[in-house]
C-alpha atoms as a PDB file:
ATOM      1  CA  MET A   1     -22.783  -6.870  44.496  1.00  0.00           C
ATOM      2  CA  ILE A   2     -25.179  -8.019  47.284  1.00  0.00           C
ATOM      3  CA  THR A   3     -27.347 -10.249  47.796  1.00  0.00           C
ATOM      4  CA  ILE A   4     -31.251  -9.484  48.782  1.00  0.00           C
ATOM      5  CA  THR A   5     -33.465 -11.846  50.319  1.00  0.00           C
ATOM      6  CA  LYS A   6     -36.787 -12.965  49.388  1.00  0.00           C
ATOM      7  CA  ASN A   7     -37.785 -11.399  52.425  1.00  0.00           C
ATOM      8  CA  ALA A   8     -36.610  -7.797  51.883  1.00  0.00           C
ATOM      9  CA  GLU A   9     -37.890  -8.144  48.294  1.00  0.00           C
ATOM     10  CA  GLU A  10     -41.325  -9.231  49.638  1.00  0.00           C
ATOM     11  CA  ARG A  11     -41.406  -6.417  51.792  1.00  0.00           C
ATOM     12  CA  ILE A  12     -39.725  -3.777  49.561  1.00  0.00           C
ATOM     13  CA  SER A  13     -42.461  -4.571  46.765  1.00  0.00           C
ATOM     14  CA  GLN A  14     -45.255  -4.687  49.392  1.00  0.00           C
ATOM     15  CA  VAL A  15     -44.196  -0.661  51.123  1.00  0.00           C
ATOM     16  CA  LEU A  16     -44.259  -0.170  46.402  1.00  0.00           C
ATOM     17  CA  LEU A  17     -47.801  -1.186  46.814  1.00  0.00           C
ATOM     18  CA  LYS A  18     -49.309  -0.184  49.444  1.00  0.00           C
ATOM     19  CA  LYS A  19     -48.060   3.653  48.991  1.00  0.00           C
ATOM     20  CA  LYS A  20     -48.631   3.316  44.728  1.00  0.00           C
ATOM     21  CA  LEU A  21     -44.790   4.151  44.265  1.00  0.00           C
ATOM     22  CA  LYS A  22     -44.886   3.673  40.164  1.00  0.00           C
ATOM     23  CA  ASN A  23     -41.733   3.241  38.650  1.00  0.00           C
ATOM     24  CA  ASN A  24     -39.738   3.645  41.985  1.00  0.00           C
ATOM     25  CA  TYR A  25     -36.356   2.299  42.591  1.00  0.00           C
ATOM     26  CA  PHE A  26     -35.017   0.629  46.091  1.00  0.00           C
ATOM     27  CA  ARG A  27     -31.997   3.182  46.704  1.00  0.00           C
ATOM     28  CA  ILE A  28     -29.312   1.288  48.992  1.00  0.00           C
ATOM     29  CA  SER A  29     -26.458   3.821  49.895  1.00  0.00           C
ATOM     30  CA  VAL A  30     -23.936   4.693  52.782  1.00  0.00           C
ATOM     31  CA  ASP A  31     -23.500   8.289  54.157  1.00  0.00           C
ATOM     32  CA  GLY A  32     -20.707   9.280  56.964  1.00  0.00           C
ATOM     33  CA  GLY A  33     -21.508   9.168  60.450  1.00  0.00           C
ATOM     34  CA  GLY A  34     -23.839   7.142  63.072  1.00  0.00           C
ATOM     35  CA  CYS A  35     -21.668   5.967  65.882  1.00  0.00           C
ATOM     36  CA  GLN A  36     -19.070   3.602  64.314  1.00  0.00           C
ATOM     37  CA  GLY A  37     -18.196   6.322  61.072  1.00  0.00           C
ATOM     38  CA  PHE A  38     -20.678   4.687  58.367  1.00  0.00           C
ATOM     39  CA  SER A  39     -24.474   4.204  57.874  1.00  0.00           C
ATOM     40  CA  TYR A  40     -26.963   2.707  55.967  1.00  0.00           C
ATOM     41  CA  ASN A  41     -29.296   4.291  54.266  1.00  0.00           C
ATOM     42  CA  PHE A  42     -32.685   2.950  51.907  1.00  0.00           C
ATOM     43  CA  VAL A  43     -35.060   5.527  50.136  1.00  0.00           C
ATOM     44  CA  PHE A  44     -37.862   5.289  47.176  1.00  0.00           C
ATOM     45  CA  ASP A  45     -36.659   6.996  44.551  1.00  0.00           C
ATOM     46  CA  THR A  46     -37.220   7.816  41.187  1.00  0.00           C
ATOM     47  CA  LYS A  47     -34.003   8.863  39.620  1.00  0.00           C
ATOM     48  CA  LEU A  48     -31.599   6.598  37.895  1.00  0.00           C
ATOM     49  CA  ASN A  49     -27.995   8.376  38.488  1.00  0.00           C
ATOM     50  CA  LYS A  50     -24.845   7.408  35.620  1.00  0.00           C
ATOM     51  CA  GLU A  51     -22.813   5.702  38.712  1.00  0.00           C
ATOM     52  CA  ASP A  52     -25.788   3.639  39.961  1.00  0.00           C
ATOM     53  CA  GLN A  53     -25.639  -0.336  39.716  1.00  0.00           C
ATOM     54  CA  ILE A  54     -29.364  -2.043  39.310  1.00  0.00           C
ATOM     55  CA  ILE A  55     -30.088  -4.976  40.992  1.00  0.00           C
ATOM     56  CA  GLU A  56     -33.070  -6.273  38.816  1.00  0.00           C
ATOM     57  CA  LEU A  57     -35.389  -8.931  40.728  1.00  0.00           C
ATOM     58  CA  SER A  58     -39.466 -10.133  39.926  1.00  0.00           C
ATOM     59  CA  SER A  59     -40.848  -7.610  41.482  1.00  0.00           C
ATOM     60  CA  ILE A  60     -38.400  -4.490  42.137  1.00  0.00           C
ATOM     61  CA  LYS A  61     -35.222  -2.920  40.720  1.00  0.00           C
ATOM     62  CA  VAL A  62     -32.846  -1.783  43.642  1.00  0.00           C
ATOM     63  CA  LEU A  63     -30.002   1.066  43.099  1.00  0.00           C
ATOM     64  CA  ILE A  64     -26.592   1.115  44.260  1.00  0.00           C
ATOM     65  CA  ASP A  65     -24.105   4.105  44.003  1.00  0.00           C
ATOM     66  CA  LYS A  66     -20.607   2.655  43.292  1.00  0.00           C
ATOM     67  CA  THR A  67     -18.806   4.447  46.178  1.00  0.00           C
ATOM     68  CA  SER A  68     -21.767   2.810  48.444  1.00  0.00           C
ATOM     69  CA  LEU A  69     -21.078  -0.864  47.254  1.00  0.00           C
ATOM     70  CA  LYS A  70     -17.543  -0.526  46.960  1.00  0.00           C
ATOM     71  CA  LEU A  71     -18.135  -0.504  51.158  1.00  0.00           C
ATOM     72  CA  ILE A  72     -21.306  -3.203  50.669  1.00  0.00           C
ATOM     73  CA  ASP A  73     -19.503  -5.458  48.601  1.00  0.00           C
ATOM     74  CA  GLY A  74     -20.772  -8.922  49.396  1.00  0.00           C
ATOM     75  CA  SER A  75     -23.491  -7.926  52.260  1.00  0.00           C
ATOM     76  CA  LYS A  76     -27.029  -9.578  52.190  1.00  0.00           C
ATOM     77  CA  LEU A  77     -29.674  -7.476  52.457  1.00  0.00           C
ATOM     78  CA  ASP A  78     -32.693  -8.700  54.858  1.00  0.00           C
ATOM     79  CA  PHE A  79     -36.215  -7.903  55.875  1.00  0.00           C
ATOM     80  CA  THR A  80     -36.552  -9.545  59.858  1.00  0.00           C
ATOM     81  CA  ASN A  81     -38.778  -9.055  62.767  1.00  0.00           C
ATOM     82  CA  ASP A  82     -37.465  -9.332  66.153  1.00  0.00           C
ATOM     83  CA  LEU A  83     -37.765  -7.433  69.631  1.00  0.00           C
ATOM     84  CA  MET A  84     -36.394  -4.391  68.228  1.00  0.00           C
ATOM     85  CA  GLY A  85     -38.950  -4.339  65.490  1.00  0.00           C
ATOM     86  CA  SER A  86     -39.432  -4.788  62.203  1.00  0.00           C
ATOM     87  CA  TYR A  87     -36.137  -3.408  59.806  1.00  0.00           C
ATOM     88  CA  PHE A  88     -33.787  -3.993  56.733  1.00  0.00           C
ATOM     89  CA  LYS A  89     -30.935  -5.360  58.257  1.00  0.00           C
ATOM     90  CA  ILE A  90     -27.522  -5.245  56.375  1.00  0.00           C
ATOM     91  CA  GLU A  91     -24.942  -8.282  57.153  1.00  0.00           C
ATOM     92  CA  ASN A  92     -21.331  -6.923  55.877  1.00  0.00           C
ATOM     93  CA  PRO A  93     -18.564  -9.499  55.499  1.00  0.00           C
ATOM     94  CA  GLN A  94     -16.930  -6.155  55.138  1.00  0.00           C
ATOM     95  CA  ALA A  95     -17.542  -4.562  58.175  1.00  0.00           C
ATOM     96  CA  SER A  96     -14.827  -4.405  61.108  1.00  0.00           C
ATOM     97  CA  SER A  97     -17.357  -3.352  63.226  1.00  0.00           C
ATOM     98  CA  THR A  98     -20.870  -2.410  63.930  1.00  0.00           C
ATOM     99  CA  CYS A  99     -23.461  -0.916  66.569  1.00  0.00           C
ATOM    100  CA  GLY A 100     -25.771  -2.671  68.719  1.00  0.00           C
ATOM    101  CA  CYS A 101     -28.957  -1.642  66.482  1.00  0.00           C
ATOM    102  CA  GLY A 102     -27.132  -2.645  63.234  1.00  0.00           C
ATOM    103  CA  THR A 103     -27.524   0.651  61.038  1.00  0.00           C
ATOM    104  CA  SER A 104     -24.121   1.622  61.670  1.00  0.00           C
ATOM    105  CA  PHE A 105     -20.576   0.326  61.091  1.00  0.00           C
ATOM    106  CA  SER A 106     -16.970   0.733  60.115  1.00  0.00           C
ATOM    107  CA  VAL A 107     -14.628  -0.814  58.048  1.00  0.00           C
END
């Protein structure tokens, strides 16, 4: 499973409220691509698939498909503000290398 920081949970909740998205999940997935081979993808979704794992927090529900979970198991999702801007960041212990911006990784 993955850990979701309070900052990430609060930001997801803020976006859901601001965009008036009811009954939406926050989906985390891993796609092929990016400069290191895999890239993280974050979207709001209304559809729950049978292979999805659900992480229920106090104010949000996060979905991760089983294939993606294998690549990010043990990771931490955070929301950060720095010189590059505001963004979701995954700290993935399985990544053998990452790109400079942190959105792409290899295993």
